Amino acid sequence: MTNINIRLLKDGIELSEQGLQRRFDLQLLDNGEVVFSKEGENQVNLSHFLFRCNQGLVDGPSDEEGKEVKHNYVI
């Protein structure tokens, strides 16, 4: 499980303190598929996200439909 806070900075100073607003989108992908998406202005919180375990799962695509494979997360 994780909690992540992402803030946009310019020259080490928060954008809101500089009077700037930037909207951005955070996406979390698992094997190239979006599993979580959130938008924010100058910051985004990813709260209580549970990453799934890879123990006992196969590395690649499975011949069995719907069978779970190892997770490869990208933020």
N, C-alpha and C. Protein backbone atom coordinates (compact mmCIF):
# COMPACT_ATOMS: atom_id res chain seq x y z
N MET A 1 0.85 -1.17 0.00
CA MET A 1 0.00 0.00 0.00
C MET A 1 0.90 1.23 0.00
N THR A 2 0.43 2.27 -0.68
CA THR A 2 1.24 3.49 -0.74
C THR A 2 0.38 4.75 -0.66
N ASN A 3 1.02 5.82 -0.24
CA ASN A 3 0.47 7.17 -0.28
C ASN A 3 1.53 8.04 -0.93
N ILE A 4 1.18 8.74 -2.00
CA ILE A 4 2.14 9.58 -2.72
C ILE A 4 1.53 10.96 -2.92
N ASN A 5 2.32 12.00 -2.68
CA ASN A 5 1.92 13.38 -2.95
C ASN A 5 2.90 13.94 -3.97
N ILE A 6 2.40 14.39 -5.11
CA ILE A 6 3.24 14.97 -6.16
C ILE A 6 2.91 16.44 -6.27
N ARG A 7 3.94 17.30 -6.09
CA ARG A 7 3.76 18.75 -6.18
C ARG A 7 4.64 19.29 -7.30
N LEU A 8 4.11 20.23 -8.06
CA LEU A 8 4.89 20.87 -9.11
C LEU A 8 5.64 22.06 -8.51
N LEU A 9 6.94 22.12 -8.80
CA LEU A 9 7.80 23.20 -8.33
C LEU A 9 8.48 23.87 -9.51
N LYS A 10 8.82 25.14 -9.34
CA LYS A 10 9.65 25.85 -10.31
C LYS A 10 10.76 26.52 -9.53
N ASP A 11 11.99 26.16 -9.86
CA ASP A 11 13.17 26.66 -9.15
C ASP A 11 13.08 26.37 -7.65
N GLY A 12 12.51 25.21 -7.31
CA GLY A 12 12.41 24.77 -5.91
C GLY A 12 11.30 25.43 -5.11
N ILE A 13 10.48 26.25 -5.76
CA ILE A 13 9.39 26.94 -5.07
C ILE A 13 8.07 26.46 -5.65
N GLU A 14 7.09 26.23 -4.76
CA GLU A 14 5.78 25.76 -5.22
C GLU A 14 5.16 26.77 -6.18
N LEU A 15 4.49 26.25 -7.20
CA LEU A 15 3.88 27.12 -8.22
C LEU A 15 2.82 28.03 -7.63
N SER A 16 2.04 27.53 -6.66
CA SER A 16 0.97 28.35 -6.07
C SER A 16 1.55 29.59 -5.37
N GLU A 17 2.75 29.46 -4.80
CA GLU A 17 3.40 30.61 -4.15
C GLU A 17 3.87 31.63 -5.17
N GLN A 18 4.03 31.19 -6.43
CA GLN A 18 4.46 32.08 -7.50
C GLN A 18 3.26 32.60 -8.30
N GLY A 19 2.05 32.26 -7.88
CA GLY A 19 0.84 32.71 -8.55
C GLY A 19 0.55 31.95 -9.84
N LEU A 20 1.14 30.77 -10.00
CA LEU A 20 0.94 29.95 -11.20
C LEU A 20 0.04 28.76 -10.90
N GLN A 21 -0.81 28.43 -11.85
CA GLN A 21 -1.66 27.24 -11.74
C GLN A 21 -1.43 26.36 -12.95
N ARG A 22 -1.08 25.10 -12.72
CA ARG A 22 -0.89 24.13 -13.80
C ARG A 22 -1.74 22.90 -13.49
N ARG A 23 -2.57 22.53 -14.43
CA ARG A 23 -3.41 21.33 -14.29
C ARG A 23 -2.68 20.17 -14.94
N PHE A 24 -2.62 19.04 -14.23
CA PHE A 24 -1.98 17.86 -14.81
C PHE A 24 -2.71 16.61 -14.39
N ASP A 25 -2.43 15.53 -15.11
CA ASP A 25 -3.10 14.25 -14.92
C ASP A 25 -2.06 13.21 -14.52
N LEU A 26 -2.33 12.49 -13.45
CA LEU A 26 -1.48 11.39 -12.99
C LEU A 26 -2.15 10.09 -13.41
N GLN A 27 -1.39 9.23 -14.08
CA GLN A 27 -1.91 7.93 -14.47
C GLN A 27 -1.00 6.84 -13.93
N LEU A 28 -1.60 5.79 -13.44
CA LEU A 28 -0.89 4.61 -12.98
C LEU A 28 -1.25 3.47 -13.92
N LEU A 29 -0.22 2.90 -14.55
CA LEU A 29 -0.44 1.83 -15.53
C LEU A 29 0.07 0.51 -14.99
N ASP A 30 -0.61 -0.56 -15.35
CA ASP A 30 -0.20 -1.93 -15.03
C ASP A 30 -0.19 -2.69 -16.35
N ASN A 31 1.01 -3.10 -16.78
CA ASN A 31 1.18 -3.77 -18.07
C ASN A 31 0.57 -2.96 -19.21
N GLY A 32 0.77 -1.63 -19.18
CA GLY A 32 0.32 -0.75 -20.23
C GLY A 32 -1.14 -0.35 -20.18
N GLU A 33 -1.88 -0.81 -19.20
CA GLU A 33 -3.30 -0.49 -19.07
C GLU A 33 -3.50 0.45 -17.88
N VAL A 34 -4.25 1.54 -18.09
CA VAL A 34 -4.50 2.50 -17.01
C VAL A 34 -5.37 1.85 -15.95
N VAL A 35 -4.85 1.80 -14.69
CA VAL A 35 -5.62 1.23 -13.58
C VAL A 35 -6.06 2.30 -12.59
N PHE A 36 -5.48 3.52 -12.72
CA PHE A 36 -5.85 4.63 -11.84
C PHE A 36 -5.50 5.93 -12.55
N SER A 37 -6.37 6.93 -12.44
CA SER A 37 -6.12 8.23 -13.04
C SER A 37 -6.70 9.30 -12.13
N LYS A 38 -5.95 10.40 -11.97
CA LYS A 38 -6.43 11.50 -11.13
C LYS A 38 -5.86 12.81 -11.66
N GLU A 39 -6.69 13.85 -11.67
CA GLU A 39 -6.25 15.17 -12.09
C GLU A 39 -6.07 16.08 -10.90
N GLY A 40 -5.19 17.07 -11.04
CA GLY A 40 -4.99 18.02 -9.97
C GLY A 40 -4.40 19.31 -10.49
N GLU A 41 -4.43 20.35 -9.65
CA GLU A 41 -3.81 21.62 -9.97
C GLU A 41 -2.64 21.82 -9.02
N ASN A 42 -1.45 21.83 -9.59
CA ASN A 42 -0.18 22.01 -8.88
C ASN A 42 0.18 20.84 -7.96
N GLN A 43 -0.77 19.98 -7.62
CA GLN A 43 -0.44 18.79 -6.84
C GLN A 43 -1.51 17.72 -7.00
N VAL A 44 -1.09 16.48 -6.78
CA VAL A 44 -1.99 15.33 -6.84
C VAL A 44 -1.63 14.40 -5.69
N ASN A 45 -2.64 13.86 -5.03
CA ASN A 45 -2.44 12.87 -3.97
C ASN A 45 -2.91 11.51 -4.45
N LEU A 46 -2.06 10.53 -4.31
CA LEU A 46 -2.42 9.13 -4.57
C LEU A 46 -2.48 8.50 -3.19
N SER A 47 -3.69 8.32 -2.69
CA SER A 47 -3.88 7.91 -1.30
C SER A 47 -4.40 6.48 -1.20
N HIS A 48 -3.73 5.70 -0.38
CA HIS A 48 -4.14 4.33 -0.07
C HIS A 48 -4.29 3.46 -1.31
N PHE A 49 -3.32 3.53 -2.22
CA PHE A 49 -3.35 2.65 -3.40
C PHE A 49 -2.68 1.34 -3.02
N LEU A 50 -3.34 0.25 -3.33
CA LEU A 50 -2.83 -1.08 -3.00
C LEU A 50 -2.24 -1.72 -4.26
N PHE A 51 -0.90 -1.86 -4.27
CA PHE A 51 -0.24 -2.54 -5.37
C PHE A 51 -0.40 -4.04 -5.15
N ARG A 52 -0.75 -4.75 -6.21
CA ARG A 52 -1.00 -6.19 -6.10
C ARG A 52 0.31 -6.96 -6.12
N CYS A 53 0.34 -8.08 -5.46
CA CYS A 53 1.52 -8.92 -5.30
C CYS A 53 1.78 -9.74 -6.57
N ASN A 54 3.07 -10.01 -6.85
CA ASN A 54 3.47 -10.82 -8.01
C ASN A 54 3.79 -12.26 -7.65
N GLN A 55 3.82 -12.58 -6.37
CA GLN A 55 4.22 -13.91 -5.93
C GLN A 55 3.34 -15.00 -6.56
N GLY A 56 3.99 -15.95 -7.23
CA GLY A 56 3.29 -17.08 -7.81
C GLY A 56 2.62 -16.82 -9.15
N LEU A 57 2.80 -15.63 -9.71
CA LEU A 57 2.18 -15.30 -10.99
C LEU A 57 3.19 -15.50 -12.13
N VAL A 58 2.68 -15.80 -13.33
CA VAL A 58 3.55 -16.01 -14.50
C VAL A 58 4.01 -14.66 -15.04
N ASP A 59 5.19 -14.67 -15.74
CA ASP A 59 5.79 -13.43 -16.24
C ASP A 59 5.04 -12.78 -17.39
N GLY A 60 4.59 -13.57 -18.34
CA GLY A 60 4.01 -12.98 -19.54
C GLY A 60 2.58 -13.39 -19.77
N PRO A 61 2.13 -13.14 -20.99
CA PRO A 61 0.74 -13.50 -21.34
C PRO A 61 0.47 -14.98 -21.10
N SER A 62 -0.74 -15.27 -20.68
CA SER A 62 -1.14 -16.63 -20.37
C SER A 62 -2.08 -17.16 -21.45
N ASP A 63 -2.03 -18.48 -21.69
CA ASP A 63 -2.94 -19.10 -22.63
C ASP A 63 -4.37 -19.14 -22.08
N GLU A 64 -4.47 -19.11 -20.76
CA GLU A 64 -5.78 -19.17 -20.11
C GLU A 64 -6.40 -17.77 -20.04
N GLU A 65 -7.60 -17.63 -20.57
CA GLU A 65 -8.28 -16.34 -20.56
C GLU A 65 -8.61 -15.92 -19.14
N GLY A 66 -8.31 -14.66 -18.81
CA GLY A 66 -8.62 -14.12 -17.49
C GLY A 66 -7.62 -14.48 -16.40
N LYS A 67 -6.56 -15.26 -16.74
CA LYS A 67 -5.57 -15.62 -15.73
C LYS A 67 -4.68 -14.41 -15.43
N GLU A 68 -4.42 -14.18 -14.16
CA GLU A 68 -3.63 -13.03 -13.73
C GLU A 68 -2.15 -13.28 -14.01
N VAL A 69 -1.46 -12.23 -14.51
CA VAL A 69 -0.02 -12.30 -14.78
C VAL A 69 0.69 -11.29 -13.87
N LYS A 70 2.03 -11.34 -13.85
CA LYS A 70 2.80 -10.41 -13.01
C LYS A 70 2.47 -8.96 -13.36
N HIS A 71 2.45 -8.13 -12.33
CA HIS A 71 2.12 -6.73 -12.48
C HIS A 71 3.39 -5.93 -12.74
N ASN A 72 3.32 -4.99 -13.70
CA ASN A 72 4.44 -4.09 -14.04
C ASN A 72 3.89 -2.68 -13.99
N TYR A 73 4.02 -2.03 -12.83
CA TYR A 73 3.43 -0.72 -12.62
C TYR A 73 4.34 0.39 -13.13
N VAL A 74 3.73 1.43 -13.73
CA VAL A 74 4.43 2.63 -14.17
C VAL A 74 3.58 3.83 -13.75
N ILE A 75 4.21 4.83 -13.14
CA ILE A 75 3.49 6.06 -12.76
C ILE A 75 3.93 7.16 -13.71
